Each structure stands twice: as structure tokens, then as C-alpha cells.
PDB file of N, CA and C in Angstrom:
ATOM      1  N   MET A   1       0.817  -1.191  -0.045  1.00  0.00           N
ATOM      2  CA  MET A   1      -0.371  -0.014  -0.056  1.00  0.00           C
ATOM      3  C   MET A   1       0.617   1.359   0.136  1.00  0.00           C
ATOM      4  N   GLU A   2       0.449   2.270  -0.758  1.00  0.00           N
ATOM      5  CA  GLU A   2       1.167   3.379  -0.625  1.00  0.00           C
ATOM      6  C   GLU A   2       0.022   4.562  -0.047  1.00  0.00           C
ATOM      7  N   ALA A   3       0.271   5.464   0.955  1.00  0.00           N
ATOM      8  CA  ALA A   3      -0.440   6.741   0.936  1.00  0.00           C
ATOM      9  C   ALA A   3      -0.297   7.675   0.146  1.00  0.00           C
ATOM     10  N   VAL A   4      -1.505   8.399  -0.324  1.00  0.00           N
ATOM     11  CA  VAL A   4      -1.455   9.371  -1.310  1.00  0.00           C
ATOM     12  C   VAL A   4      -2.596  10.567  -0.796  1.00  0.00           C
ATOM     13  N   LYS A   5      -2.212  11.693  -1.071  1.00  0.00           N
ATOM     14  CA  LYS A   5      -3.263  12.577  -0.837  1.00  0.00           C
ATOM     15  C   LYS A   5      -4.030  13.537  -2.124  1.00  0.00           C
ATOM     16  N   CYS A   6      -5.319  13.255  -1.596  1.00  0.00           N
ATOM     17  CA  CYS A   6      -6.262  14.113  -2.552  1.00  0.00           C
ATOM     18  C   CYS A   6      -5.416  15.378  -2.829  1.00  0.00           C
ATOM     19  N   GLN A   7      -5.676  15.913  -4.018  1.00  0.00           N
ATOM     20  CA  GLN A   7      -5.046  17.239  -4.407  1.00  0.00           C
ATOM     21  C   GLN A   7      -5.979  18.362  -4.207  1.00  0.00           C
ATOM     22  N   VAL A   8      -7.347  17.809  -4.058  1.00  0.00           N
ATOM     23  CA  VAL A   8      -8.795  18.524  -3.784  1.00  0.00           C
ATOM     24  C   VAL A   8      -8.858  19.027  -2.283  1.00  0.00           C
ATOM     25  N   CYS A   9      -8.957  18.170  -1.391  1.00  0.00           N
ATOM     26  CA  CYS A   9      -9.331  18.261  -0.029  1.00  0.00           C
ATOM     27  C   CYS A   9      -8.339  17.800   0.722  1.00  0.00           C
ATOM     28  N   GLY A  10      -7.336  17.223   0.288  1.00  0.00           N
ATOM     29  CA  GLY A  10      -6.078  16.585   1.114  1.00  0.00           C
ATOM     30  C   GLY A  10      -6.240  15.668   1.979  1.00  0.00           C
ATOM     31  N   LYS A  11      -7.388  14.872   1.764  1.00  0.00           N
ATOM     32  CA  LYS A  11      -7.329  13.576   2.672  1.00  0.00           C
ATOM     33  C   LYS A  11      -6.528  12.682   2.174  1.00  0.00           C
ATOM     34  N   ALA A  12      -5.729  11.706   3.047  1.00  0.00           N
ATOM     35  CA  ALA A  12      -4.849  10.943   2.737  1.00  0.00           C
ATOM     36  C   ALA A  12      -5.288   9.577   2.396  1.00  0.00           C
ATOM     37  N   VAL A  13      -5.174   8.849   1.456  1.00  0.00           N
ATOM     38  CA  VAL A  13      -5.884   7.821   1.138  1.00  0.00           C
ATOM     39  C   VAL A  13      -4.544   6.509   0.862  1.00  0.00           C
ATOM     40  N   SER A  14      -4.845   5.384   1.387  1.00  0.00           N
ATOM     41  CA  SER A  14      -4.244   4.444   1.078  1.00  0.00           C
ATOM     42  C   SER A  14      -4.281   3.317  -0.087  1.00  0.00           C
ATOM     43  N   LEU A  15      -3.536   3.452  -0.881  1.00  0.00           N
ATOM     44  CA  LEU A  15      -4.159   2.695  -2.265  1.00  0.00           C
ATOM     45  C   LEU A  15      -3.497   1.447  -2.026  1.00  0.00           C
ATOM     46  N   GLU A  16      -4.241   0.464  -2.929  1.00  0.00           N
ATOM     47  CA  GLU A  16      -3.881  -0.844  -2.463  1.00  0.00           C
ATOM     48  C   GLU A  16      -2.968  -1.108  -3.931  1.00  0.00           C
ATOM     49  N   THR A  17      -2.140  -2.516  -4.081  1.00  0.00           N
ATOM     50  CA  THR A  17      -1.540  -2.544  -4.997  1.00  0.00           C
ATOM     51  C   THR A  17      -2.266  -2.577  -6.588  1.00  0.00           C
ATOM     52  N   TRP A  18      -3.429  -3.226  -6.190  1.00  0.00           N
ATOM     53  CA  TRP A  18      -4.382  -3.910  -7.495  1.00  0.00           C
ATOM     54  C   TRP A  18      -5.185  -2.654  -7.670  1.00  0.00           C
ATOM     55  N   ASN A  19      -5.123  -1.693  -7.380  1.00  0.00           N
ATOM     56  CA  ASN A  19      -5.537  -0.401  -7.644  1.00  0.00           C
ATOM     57  C   ASN A  19      -5.319   0.113  -8.539  1.00  0.00           C
ATOM     58  N   GLN A  20      -6.001   0.680  -9.807  1.00  0.00           N
ATOM     59  CA  GLN A  20      -5.672   1.435 -11.302  1.00  0.00           C
ATOM     60  C   GLN A  20      -4.734   2.733 -10.671  1.00  0.00           C
ATOM     61  N   GLU A  21      -5.386   3.361  -9.861  1.00  0.00           N
ATOM     62  CA  GLU A  21      -4.477   4.503  -9.589  1.00  0.00           C
ATOM     63  C   GLU A  21      -3.256   4.179  -8.979  1.00  0.00           C
ATOM     64  N   TYR A  22      -2.759   3.286  -8.167  1.00  0.00           N
ATOM     65  CA  TYR A  22      -2.023   2.442  -7.524  1.00  0.00           C
ATOM     66  C   TYR A  22      -0.627   2.435  -8.860  1.00  0.00           C
ATOM     67  N   GLU A  23      -1.265   2.015  -9.910  1.00  0.00           N
ATOM     68  CA  GLU A  23      -0.485   1.648 -11.148  1.00  0.00           C
ATOM     69  C   GLU A  23      -0.049   2.844 -12.018  1.00  0.00           C
ATOM     70  N   ARG A  24      -0.927   3.959 -11.883  1.00  0.00           N
ATOM     71  CA  ARG A  24      -0.545   5.443 -12.338  1.00  0.00           C
ATOM     72  C   ARG A  24       0.193   5.838 -11.529  1.00  0.00           C
ATOM     73  N   PHE A  25       0.724   5.946 -10.157  1.00  0.00           N
ATOM     74  CA  PHE A  25       1.695   6.489  -9.357  1.00  0.00           C
ATOM     75  C   PHE A  25       2.965   5.884  -9.395  1.00  0.00           C
ATOM     76  N   LYS A  26       2.893   4.163  -9.691  1.00  0.00           N
ATOM     77  CA  LYS A  26       3.880   3.720  -9.957  1.00  0.00           C
ATOM     78  C   LYS A  26       4.976   4.213 -10.800  1.00  0.00           C
ATOM     79  N   HIS A  27       4.120   4.488 -12.137  1.00  0.00           N
ATOM     80  CA  HIS A  27       5.071   4.778 -13.108  1.00  0.00           C
ATOM     81  C   HIS A  27       5.296   6.358 -12.947  1.00  0.00           C
ATOM     82  N   SER A  28       4.585   7.273 -12.651  1.00  0.00           N
ATOM     83  CA  SER A  28       4.991   8.596 -12.437  1.00  0.00           C
ATOM     84  C   SER A  28       4.118   8.919 -10.906  1.00  0.00           C
ATOM     85  N   SER A  29       4.836   9.510 -10.124  1.00  0.00           N
ATOM     86  CA  SER A  29       4.610  10.057  -9.135  1.00  0.00           C
ATOM     87  C   SER A  29       4.070  11.552  -8.830  1.00  0.00           C
ATOM     88  N   ASP A  30       4.313  12.142 -10.352  1.00  0.00           N
ATOM     89  CA  ASP A  30       3.728  13.423 -10.505  1.00  0.00           C
ATOM     90  C   ASP A  30       2.232  13.713 -10.663  1.00  0.00           C
ATOM     91  N   HIS A  31       1.547  12.328 -10.925  1.00  0.00           N
ATOM     92  CA  HIS A  31       0.328  12.265 -10.967  1.00  0.00           C
ATOM     93  C   HIS A  31      -0.695  12.691  -9.893  1.00  0.00           C
ATOM     94  N   ALA A  32      -1.590  13.547 -10.524  1.00  0.00           N
ATOM     95  CA  ALA A  32      -2.542  13.860  -9.024  1.00  0.00           C
ATOM     96  C   ALA A  32      -3.585  13.191  -9.060  1.00  0.00           C
ATOM     97  N   TYR A  33      -3.803  13.072  -7.548  1.00  0.00           N
ATOM     98  CA  TYR A  33      -4.690  11.982  -6.974  1.00  0.00           C
ATOM     99  C   TYR A  33      -5.786  12.724  -6.615  1.00  0.00           C
ATOM    100  N   ILE A  34      -6.966  12.283  -7.324  1.00  0.00           N
ATOM    101  CA  ILE A  34      -8.447  13.355  -6.688  1.00  0.00           C
ATOM    102  C   ILE A  34      -9.360  11.802  -6.317  1.00  0.00           C
ATOM    103  N   CYS A  35      -9.543  12.091  -4.717  1.00  0.00           N
ATOM    104  CA  CYS A  35     -10.170  11.128  -4.353  1.00  0.00           C
ATOM    105  C   CYS A  35     -12.028  10.751  -4.986  1.00  0.00           C
ATOM    106  N   PRO A  36     -12.611   9.696  -4.786  1.00  0.00           N
ATOM    107  CA  PRO A  36     -13.756   9.361  -5.561  1.00  0.00           C
ATOM    108  C   PRO A  36     -14.951  10.318  -5.140  1.00  0.00           C
ATOM    109  N   ASN A  37     -14.853  10.744  -4.069  1.00  0.00           N
ATOM    110  CA  ASN A  37     -15.357  11.723  -3.639  1.00  0.00           C
ATOM    111  C   ASN A  37     -15.269  13.105  -3.871  1.00  0.00           C
ATOM    112  N   CYS A  38     -14.357  13.926  -4.198  1.00  0.00           N
ATOM    113  CA  CYS A  38     -13.991  15.132  -4.975  1.00  0.00           C
ATOM    114  C   CYS A  38     -14.294  14.795  -6.426  1.00  0.00           C
ATOM    115  N   GLU A  39     -13.830  13.798  -7.041  1.00  0.00           N
ATOM    116  CA  GLU A  39     -13.997  13.443  -8.535  1.00  0.00           C
ATOM    117  C   GLU A  39     -15.747  13.443  -8.810  1.00  0.00           C
ATOM    118  N   ALA A  40     -16.348  12.985  -8.082  1.00  0.00           N
ATOM    119  CA  ALA A  40     -17.926  13.160  -8.171  1.00  0.00           C
ATOM    120  C   ALA A  40     -18.207  14.465  -8.369  1.00  0.00           C
ATOM    121  N   ARG A  41     -17.625  15.215  -6.965  1.00  0.00           N
ATOM    122  CA  ARG A  41     -18.625  16.143  -6.871  1.00  0.00           C
ATOM    123  C   ARG A  41     -17.783  17.484  -8.098  1.00  0.00           C
ATOM    124  N   ILE A  42     -16.780  17.097  -8.873  1.00  0.00           N
ATOM    125  CA  ILE A  42     -16.241  17.849  -9.861  1.00  0.00           C
ATOM    126  C   ILE A  42     -17.261  17.699 -10.870  1.00  0.00           C
ATOM    127  N   ARG A  43     -17.325  16.315 -11.388  1.00  0.00           N
ATOM    128  CA  ARG A  43     -18.092  16.235 -12.438  1.00  0.00           C
ATOM    129  C   ARG A  43     -19.598  16.498 -12.295  1.00  0.00           C
ATOM    130  N   VAL A  44     -20.260  16.724 -11.391  1.00  0.00           N
ATOM    131  CA  VAL A  44     -21.680  17.077 -11.162  1.00  0.00           C
ATOM    132  C   VAL A  44     -21.854  18.415 -11.320  1.00  0.00           C
ATOM    133  N   ASP A  45     -20.404  19.135 -10.710  1.00  0.00           N
ATOM    134  CA  ASP A  45     -20.276  21.034 -11.324  1.00  0.00           C
ATOM    135  C   ASP A  45     -20.366  21.187 -12.512  1.00  0.00           C
ATOM    136  N   ALA A  46     -19.216  20.430 -13.215  1.00  0.00           N
ATOM    137  CA  ALA A  46     -18.941  20.545 -14.492  1.00  0.00           C
ATOM    138  C   ALA A  46     -20.247  20.355 -15.385  1.00  0.00           C
ATOM    139  N   GLN A  47     -21.035  18.948 -14.841  1.00  0.00           N
ATOM    140  CA  GLN A  47     -22.542  18.819 -15.868  1.00  0.00           C
ATOM    141  C   GLN A  47     -23.175  19.957 -15.607  1.00  0.00           C
ATOM    142  N   ASP A  48     -23.311  20.339 -14.400  1.00  0.00           N
ATOM    143  CA  ASP A  48     -24.445  21.508 -13.900  1.00  0.00           C
ATOM    144  C   ASP A  48     -23.807  22.979 -14.840  1.00  0.00           C
ATOM    145  N   SER A  49     -22.843  22.937 -14.735  1.00  0.00           N
ATOM    146  CA  SER A  49     -21.932  24.563 -15.289  1.00  0.00           C
ATOM    147  C   SER A  49     -22.676  24.167 -16.900  1.00  0.00           C
ATOM    148  N   GLN A  50     -22.764  22.895 -17.421  1.00  0.00           N
ATOM    149  CA  GLN A  50     -22.890  22.592 -18.781  1.00  0.00           C
ATOM    150  C   GLN A  50     -24.399  22.794 -19.132  1.00  0.00           C
ATOM    151  N   GLY A  51     -25.205  23.143 -18.272  1.00  0.00           N
ATOM    152  CA  GLY A  51     -26.822  23.013 -18.219  1.00  0.00           C
ATOM    153  C   GLY A  51     -27.418  21.736 -18.127  1.00  0.00           C
ATOM    154  N   ARG A  52     -26.628  20.760 -17.838  1.00  0.00           N
ATOM    155  CA  ARG A  52     -27.456  19.456 -17.922  1.00  0.00           C
ATOM    156  C   ARG A  52     -28.227  18.894 -16.695  1.00  0.00           C
TER     157      ARG A  52
END
């Protein structure tokens, strides 16, 4: 497991080695992690701003 921080809310999350996000971090530690909660909120905000 590797601990990463969400770039939006700052919450620390431990990624399991089988997680798709872990694979991204294994190859590039510069990858910005966004937790599922923030990702969903961003998606909803984007859809609302597009008038959906």
C-alpha cells in the first residue's frame, strides 16, 4: 500500500497495489490523485455548469 493525498480536499488515502490509481503512481509520482468523492463532486459541478 502507498499513501497519497487528494489534491482537492487533502484527505490521505492508502492505495492497494491492485488499484488502478496505484499503477499510475507506480509509473509517475507526479500524477495528481483526486479521491472518488471529490471526483464525483467535480463531475456534477461540470455537468451543472454545462446546463445538464
